[in-house]
């Protein structure tokens, strides 16, 4: 066993970042957590506040406000910094301002000698994950976006409610852009080992119209939450902790992340939300589902929308 201490560096301690730090402490996932933010006072306050909860944590964790030099020995740098989505604004509207912010951050992280894994959560996540890969020069498998991990969680939750089963026994994916062009993979949606399509045939109380509404609620969830409370952060924070565990504990877990495609799903040279096996080295492999024709068309459309935006901002 290695004696190396597990270190996570969090860049950005806004709503998402501070929620992630709190969830990380509650689950005892890492041994060291470094907070970095342009708002030094806020991050210092977060570090103090989190440390005061240490007596109630499942395991000791060293938490401090730091700087980019602390990235040198980090296993994982988690990026939640950037401009937030405002009411009425799409995730893609954020691309130009956040690409500039990311260039500055990643240059400083890499200057430290960092050689770990990047985990990107800032929107538009698929494009900013691609930008992180380009700016950092790291191998594609060591740059991961949160992708559709939250959309998939919302999907599983709502399907669990509808079918009245534990959401953890719902196996279904949202893939594509983390945004308006994402799609549900109904052809691979299961309750336990039973296809949802079979259950629909057997029980007339389950209707396709209801399933279509579930997907609309998944796709538009961020807009609904932003309208009510200004931002979404608890769900994505839990998703980021789940990814952190998969990486640091070498789990080989299948999670819907923004991964680099090289021919899978008919796409090349882009990051987009797909199921992938995640472990200590990052993305071990992309899991390619056999989509039906309608799903293939929707996925291609989603990829085309992302590529058009990347060309507009000069990333491709």
Protein backbone atom coordinates (compact mmCIF):
# COMPACT_ATOMS: atom_id res chain seq x y z
CA UNK A 1 0.00 0.00 0.00
CA UNK A 2 1.17 3.51 -0.81
CA UNK A 3 1.88 5.92 2.06
CA UNK A 4 0.99 8.86 -0.16
CA UNK A 5 -1.66 11.11 1.35
CA UNK A 6 -4.72 11.68 -0.86
CA UNK A 7 -5.06 15.36 -1.68
CA UNK A 8 -7.94 17.11 -3.45
CA UNK A 9 -7.66 20.74 -4.53
CA UNK A 10 -10.92 22.61 -5.06
CA UNK A 11 -10.79 25.71 -7.27
CA UNK A 12 -13.91 27.79 -6.70
CA UNK A 13 -15.74 27.96 -3.36
CA UNK A 14 -19.07 29.31 -4.51
CA UNK A 15 -22.33 27.42 -3.96
CA UNK A 16 -21.21 24.25 -5.80
CA UNK A 17 -17.65 24.24 -4.45
CA UNK A 18 -18.56 24.78 -0.80
CA UNK A 19 -21.36 22.18 -1.03
CA UNK A 20 -18.84 19.72 -2.50
CA UNK A 21 -16.34 20.46 0.30
CA UNK A 22 -19.05 19.91 2.93
CA UNK A 23 -20.16 16.61 1.34
CA UNK A 24 -16.52 15.49 1.03
CA UNK A 25 -15.98 16.11 4.75
CA UNK A 26 -19.21 14.31 5.67
CA UNK A 27 -18.22 11.23 3.69
CA UNK A 28 -14.54 11.22 4.68
CA UNK A 29 -13.38 10.70 1.10
CA UNK A 30 -9.92 12.31 1.14
CA UNK A 31 -7.17 13.08 3.65
CA UNK A 32 -6.38 16.62 2.50
CA UNK A 33 -8.58 19.29 0.98
CA UNK A 34 -7.17 22.58 -0.31
CA UNK A 35 -9.53 25.47 -1.09
CA UNK A 36 -8.56 28.05 -3.73
CA UNK A 37 -10.69 31.02 -4.73
CA UNK A 38 -10.22 34.57 -5.99
CA UNK A 39 -12.32 35.59 -2.97
CA UNK A 40 -9.67 34.77 -0.36
CA UNK A 41 -11.75 35.80 2.64
CA UNK A 42 -14.68 33.57 1.65
CA UNK A 43 -12.39 30.56 1.19
CA UNK A 44 -10.61 31.19 4.48
CA UNK A 45 -13.98 31.37 6.18
CA UNK A 46 -15.07 28.12 4.52
CA UNK A 47 -11.88 26.36 5.68
CA UNK A 48 -12.45 27.57 9.26
CA UNK A 49 -16.12 26.59 9.22
CA UNK A 50 -15.42 23.11 7.79
CA UNK A 51 -12.60 22.48 10.29
CA UNK A 52 -14.97 23.26 13.16
CA UNK A 53 -17.08 20.30 12.03
CA UNK A 54 -14.09 17.93 12.14
CA UNK A 55 -15.01 16.37 15.52
CA UNK A 56 -18.21 15.09 13.89
CA UNK A 57 -16.58 13.79 10.69
CA UNK A 58 -16.17 10.04 9.96
CA UNK A 59 -12.38 10.41 9.57
CA UNK A 60 -9.72 13.12 10.02
CA UNK A 61 -9.16 15.51 7.14
CA UNK A 62 -6.72 18.38 6.83
CA UNK A 63 -8.49 21.38 5.27
CA UNK A 64 -6.91 24.73 4.46
CA UNK A 65 -7.11 27.77 2.20
CA UNK A 66 -4.18 27.47 -0.17
CA UNK A 67 -2.79 28.53 -3.53
CA UNK A 68 -1.92 26.98 -6.88
CA UNK A 69 1.44 25.70 -5.62
CA UNK A 70 -0.55 23.21 -3.51
CA UNK A 71 -1.68 21.53 -6.76
CA UNK A 72 1.79 20.01 -7.24
CA UNK A 73 1.07 17.05 -4.94
CA UNK A 74 -2.68 16.81 -5.62
CA UNK A 75 -4.30 13.63 -6.88
CA UNK A 76 -7.31 15.55 -8.10
CA UNK A 77 -8.05 19.19 -8.98
CA UNK A 78 -11.78 19.92 -9.03
CA UNK A 79 -12.86 22.98 -11.01
CA UNK A 80 -16.10 24.68 -9.95
CA UNK A 81 -14.95 28.28 -10.55
CA UNK A 82 -16.51 30.55 -13.13
CA UNK A 83 -19.60 32.61 -13.90
CA UNK A 84 -22.93 31.08 -12.83
CA UNK A 85 -25.98 30.47 -14.98
CA UNK A 86 -28.49 33.28 -14.51
CA UNK A 87 -32.29 32.96 -14.84
CA UNK A 88 -33.19 32.69 -18.53
CA UNK A 89 -29.57 31.91 -19.52
CA UNK A 90 -28.57 28.58 -21.07
CA UNK A 91 -25.40 26.74 -20.09
CA UNK A 92 -23.98 27.42 -23.54
CA UNK A 93 -24.42 31.19 -23.02
CA UNK A 94 -21.63 31.01 -20.43
CA UNK A 95 -19.01 29.59 -22.75
CA UNK A 96 -16.93 32.63 -23.73
CA UNK A 97 -16.49 34.17 -20.29
CA UNK A 98 -15.78 30.84 -18.61
CA UNK A 99 -13.28 29.71 -21.26
CA UNK A 100 -11.18 32.81 -20.51
CA UNK A 101 -11.41 32.21 -16.74
CA UNK A 102 -10.35 28.57 -17.24
CA UNK A 103 -7.28 29.41 -19.33
CA UNK A 104 -5.94 31.52 -16.47
CA UNK A 105 -6.72 28.86 -13.81
CA UNK A 106 -5.31 25.89 -15.73
CA UNK A 107 -2.09 27.71 -16.63
CA UNK A 108 -1.49 28.30 -12.91
CA UNK A 109 -2.38 24.71 -11.92
CA UNK A 110 -0.02 23.24 -14.53
CA UNK A 111 2.79 25.65 -13.59
CA UNK A 112 2.83 23.99 -10.14
CA UNK A 113 3.92 20.68 -11.68
CA UNK A 114 0.48 19.08 -11.26
CA UNK A 115 0.27 15.59 -12.75
CA UNK A 116 -3.02 14.26 -11.46
CA UNK A 117 -6.61 14.27 -12.71
CA UNK A 118 -8.84 17.24 -13.50
CA UNK A 119 -12.54 17.00 -12.64
CA UNK A 120 -14.57 19.80 -14.26
CA UNK A 121 -18.02 20.88 -13.08
CA UNK A 122 -18.33 24.45 -14.39
CA UNK A 123 -20.83 25.01 -17.22
CA UNK A 124 -20.97 24.51 -20.10
CA UNK A 125 -19.23 21.45 -18.73
CA UNK A 126 -18.62 19.50 -21.95
CA UNK A 127 -16.93 22.44 -23.67
CA UNK A 128 -14.96 23.50 -20.59
CA UNK A 129 -13.74 19.92 -20.11
CA UNK A 130 -12.46 19.96 -23.70
CA UNK A 131 -10.83 23.34 -23.01
CA UNK A 132 -9.21 21.96 -19.84
CA UNK A 133 -7.78 19.04 -21.82
CA UNK A 134 -6.43 21.40 -24.50
CA UNK A 135 -5.02 23.98 -22.06
CA UNK A 136 -3.46 21.41 -19.71
CA UNK A 137 -1.85 19.05 -22.22
CA UNK A 138 -2.75 16.09 -19.97
CA UNK A 139 -3.80 12.74 -21.48
CA UNK A 140 -7.51 12.64 -22.36
CA UNK A 141 -8.31 10.00 -19.72
CA UNK A 142 -7.09 12.30 -16.94
CA UNK A 143 -9.51 15.11 -17.76
CA UNK A 144 -13.10 14.31 -16.79
CA UNK A 145 -16.24 16.42 -16.81
CA UNK A 146 -19.21 15.88 -14.51
CA UNK A 147 -21.18 15.43 -17.76
CA UNK A 148 -24.67 14.03 -17.28
CA UNK A 149 -24.02 12.49 -13.86
CA UNK A 150 -26.56 14.85 -12.27
CA UNK A 151 -29.09 14.50 -15.10
CA UNK A 152 -28.83 10.71 -14.76
CA UNK A 153 -29.33 11.00 -10.99
CA UNK A 154 -32.43 13.18 -11.52
CA UNK A 155 -33.68 10.65 -14.08
CA UNK A 156 -33.19 7.70 -11.73
CA UNK A 157 -34.83 9.58 -8.86
CA UNK A 158 -37.96 10.49 -10.84
CA UNK A 159 -38.26 7.00 -12.35
CA UNK A 160 -37.93 5.51 -8.86
CA UNK A 161 -40.74 7.78 -7.66
CA UNK A 162 -42.93 6.84 -10.63
CA UNK A 163 -42.43 3.07 -10.35
CA UNK A 164 -42.26 3.19 -6.53
CA UNK A 165 -38.87 1.48 -6.26
CA UNK A 166 -35.57 2.44 -4.62
CA UNK A 167 -33.86 4.92 -6.96
CA UNK A 168 -30.60 2.95 -6.49
CA UNK A 169 -32.25 0.01 -8.29
CA UNK A 170 -33.16 2.11 -11.32
CA UNK A 171 -30.59 1.69 -14.09
CA UNK A 172 -31.07 4.32 -16.78
CA UNK A 173 -28.93 6.97 -18.42
CA UNK A 174 -29.14 10.50 -19.72
CA UNK A 175 -26.43 11.09 -22.32
CA UNK A 176 -25.29 13.90 -24.62
CA UNK A 177 -24.74 17.55 -23.75
CA UNK A 178 -25.32 18.50 -20.13
CA UNK A 179 -28.00 20.90 -21.30
CA UNK A 180 -30.95 21.38 -23.59
CA UNK A 181 -30.04 18.73 -26.20
CA UNK A 182 -29.45 15.83 -23.78
CA UNK A 183 -31.47 12.63 -24.28
CA UNK A 184 -32.78 9.66 -22.31
CA UNK A 185 -31.68 6.17 -23.37
CA UNK A 186 -35.06 4.47 -23.04
CA UNK A 187 -33.78 1.42 -24.95
CA UNK A 188 -31.45 0.66 -22.00
CA UNK A 189 -33.66 1.65 -19.04
CA UNK A 190 -34.17 -0.99 -16.35
CA UNK A 191 -35.78 -1.50 -12.96
CA UNK A 192 -33.47 -4.08 -11.44
CA UNK A 193 -32.89 -6.36 -14.44
CA UNK A 194 -36.30 -5.76 -16.03
CA UNK A 195 -36.57 -3.43 -19.03
CA UNK A 196 -38.93 -0.54 -18.36
CA UNK A 197 -40.43 -1.24 -21.82
CA UNK A 198 -41.61 -4.67 -20.56
CA UNK A 199 -43.22 -3.16 -17.48
CA UNK A 200 -45.04 -0.62 -19.66
CA UNK A 201 -46.55 -3.42 -21.74
CA UNK A 202 -47.70 -5.42 -18.72
CA UNK A 203 -49.20 -2.68 -16.57
CA UNK A 204 -51.62 -0.20 -18.18
CA UNK A 205 -51.20 2.35 -15.34
CA UNK A 206 -47.74 3.14 -16.72
CA UNK A 207 -47.97 5.48 -19.73
CA UNK A 208 -45.43 6.72 -22.27
CA UNK A 209 -46.79 10.23 -21.82
CA UNK A 210 -45.77 10.08 -18.14
CA UNK A 211 -42.25 8.94 -19.08
CA UNK A 212 -41.96 11.78 -21.60
CA UNK A 213 -42.92 14.24 -18.87
CA UNK A 214 -40.34 12.72 -16.52
CA UNK A 215 -37.62 13.40 -19.09
CA UNK A 216 -38.79 17.01 -19.63
CA UNK A 217 -38.59 17.53 -15.84
CA UNK A 218 -35.07 16.09 -15.84
CA UNK A 219 -33.90 18.25 -18.74
CA UNK A 220 -35.44 21.45 -17.34
CA UNK A 221 -34.71 20.79 -13.66
CA UNK A 222 -31.91 23.36 -13.46
CA UNK A 223 -34.17 26.10 -14.83
CA UNK A 224 -36.88 25.20 -12.31
CA UNK A 225 -34.45 25.21 -9.38
CA UNK A 226 -32.67 28.41 -10.48
CA UNK A 227 -36.08 30.13 -10.73
CA UNK A 228 -36.88 29.09 -7.15
CA UNK A 229 -33.56 29.44 -5.31
CA UNK A 230 -31.09 31.06 -7.69
CA UNK A 231 -28.70 28.14 -8.25
CA UNK A 232 -28.34 24.34 -8.13
CA UNK A 233 -25.61 22.94 -5.93
CA UNK A 234 -26.52 20.06 -3.59
CA UNK A 235 -27.18 17.48 -6.33
CA UNK A 236 -24.07 18.27 -8.36
CA UNK A 237 -21.95 18.39 -5.19
CA UNK A 238 -23.05 14.83 -4.34
CA UNK A 239 -22.29 13.76 -7.92
CA UNK A 240 -18.79 15.25 -7.69
CA UNK A 241 -18.15 13.40 -4.41
CA UNK A 242 -19.33 10.18 -6.07
CA UNK A 243 -16.80 10.76 -8.86
CA UNK A 244 -14.07 11.64 -6.35
CA UNK A 245 -14.65 8.33 -4.55
CA UNK A 246 -14.59 6.39 -7.83
CA UNK A 247 -11.22 7.97 -8.66
CA UNK A 248 -9.45 7.92 -5.28
CA UNK A 249 -10.72 4.44 -4.35
CA UNK A 250 -10.00 2.96 -7.79
CA UNK A 251 -13.56 1.67 -8.08
CA UNK A 252 -13.92 1.00 -11.83
CA UNK A 253 -17.46 2.38 -11.52
CA UNK A 254 -19.69 3.09 -14.51
CA UNK A 255 -20.76 6.75 -14.35
CA UNK A 256 -22.15 9.14 -16.96
CA UNK A 257 -19.34 11.66 -17.32
CA UNK A 258 -18.09 14.01 -19.98
CA UNK A 259 -15.50 11.83 -21.70
CA UNK A 260 -13.36 12.24 -24.82
CA UNK A 261 -14.69 10.35 -27.82
CA UNK A 262 -12.53 8.81 -30.55
CA UNK A 263 -15.10 7.19 -32.82
CA UNK A 264 -17.48 5.95 -30.12
CA UNK A 265 -21.11 6.86 -30.83
CA UNK A 266 -19.93 8.04 -34.26
CA UNK A 267 -18.17 11.12 -32.82
CA UNK A 268 -14.56 12.31 -32.69
CA UNK A 269 -12.46 14.95 -30.91
CA UNK A 270 -15.00 16.12 -28.35
CA UNK A 271 -16.07 15.67 -24.73
CA UNK A 272 -19.72 14.74 -24.16
CA UNK A 273 -21.79 12.89 -21.54
CA UNK A 274 -21.62 9.09 -21.93
CA UNK A 275 -21.30 6.11 -19.56
CA UNK A 276 -17.64 5.43 -18.78
CA UNK A 277 -15.61 3.28 -16.39
CA UNK A 278 -13.86 5.56 -13.88
CA UNK A 279 -10.90 4.53 -11.72
CA UNK A 280 -7.60 5.77 -10.22
CA UNK A 281 -6.23 6.58 -13.67
CA UNK A 282 -9.30 8.57 -14.70
CA UNK A 283 -11.45 7.23 -17.53
CA UNK A 284 -10.52 3.61 -18.17
CA UNK A 285 -12.87 3.26 -21.12
CA UNK A 286 -16.04 4.65 -22.65
CA UNK A 287 -19.01 2.27 -22.50
CA UNK A 288 -20.69 2.33 -25.92
CA UNK A 289 -24.40 1.52 -25.73
CA UNK A 290 -26.22 0.18 -28.77
CA UNK A 291 -28.65 3.05 -29.35
CA UNK A 292 -31.78 2.77 -31.47
CA UNK A 293 -32.15 4.97 -34.56
CA UNK A 294 -34.05 7.77 -32.79
CA UNK A 295 -31.46 7.87 -29.98
CA UNK A 296 -28.60 7.93 -32.48
CA UNK A 297 -30.16 10.93 -34.26
CA UNK A 298 -30.67 12.82 -31.01
CA UNK A 299 -27.13 12.10 -29.83
CA UNK A 300 -25.70 13.27 -33.16
CA UNK A 301 -27.75 16.47 -32.89
CA UNK A 302 -26.46 17.05 -29.34
CA UNK A 303 -22.85 16.55 -30.46
CA UNK A 304 -23.33 18.89 -33.44
CA UNK A 305 -24.66 21.68 -31.19
CA UNK A 306 -21.59 21.38 -28.93
CA UNK A 307 -19.17 21.31 -31.88
CA UNK A 308 -20.74 24.43 -33.38
CA UNK A 309 -20.22 26.34 -30.12
CA UNK A 310 -16.62 25.09 -29.83
CA UNK A 311 -15.89 26.35 -33.34
CA UNK A 312 -17.46 29.71 -32.49
CA UNK A 313 -15.07 30.22 -29.57
CA UNK A 314 -12.03 28.86 -31.43
CA UNK A 315 -11.58 25.60 -29.54
CA UNK A 316 -11.81 23.55 -32.74
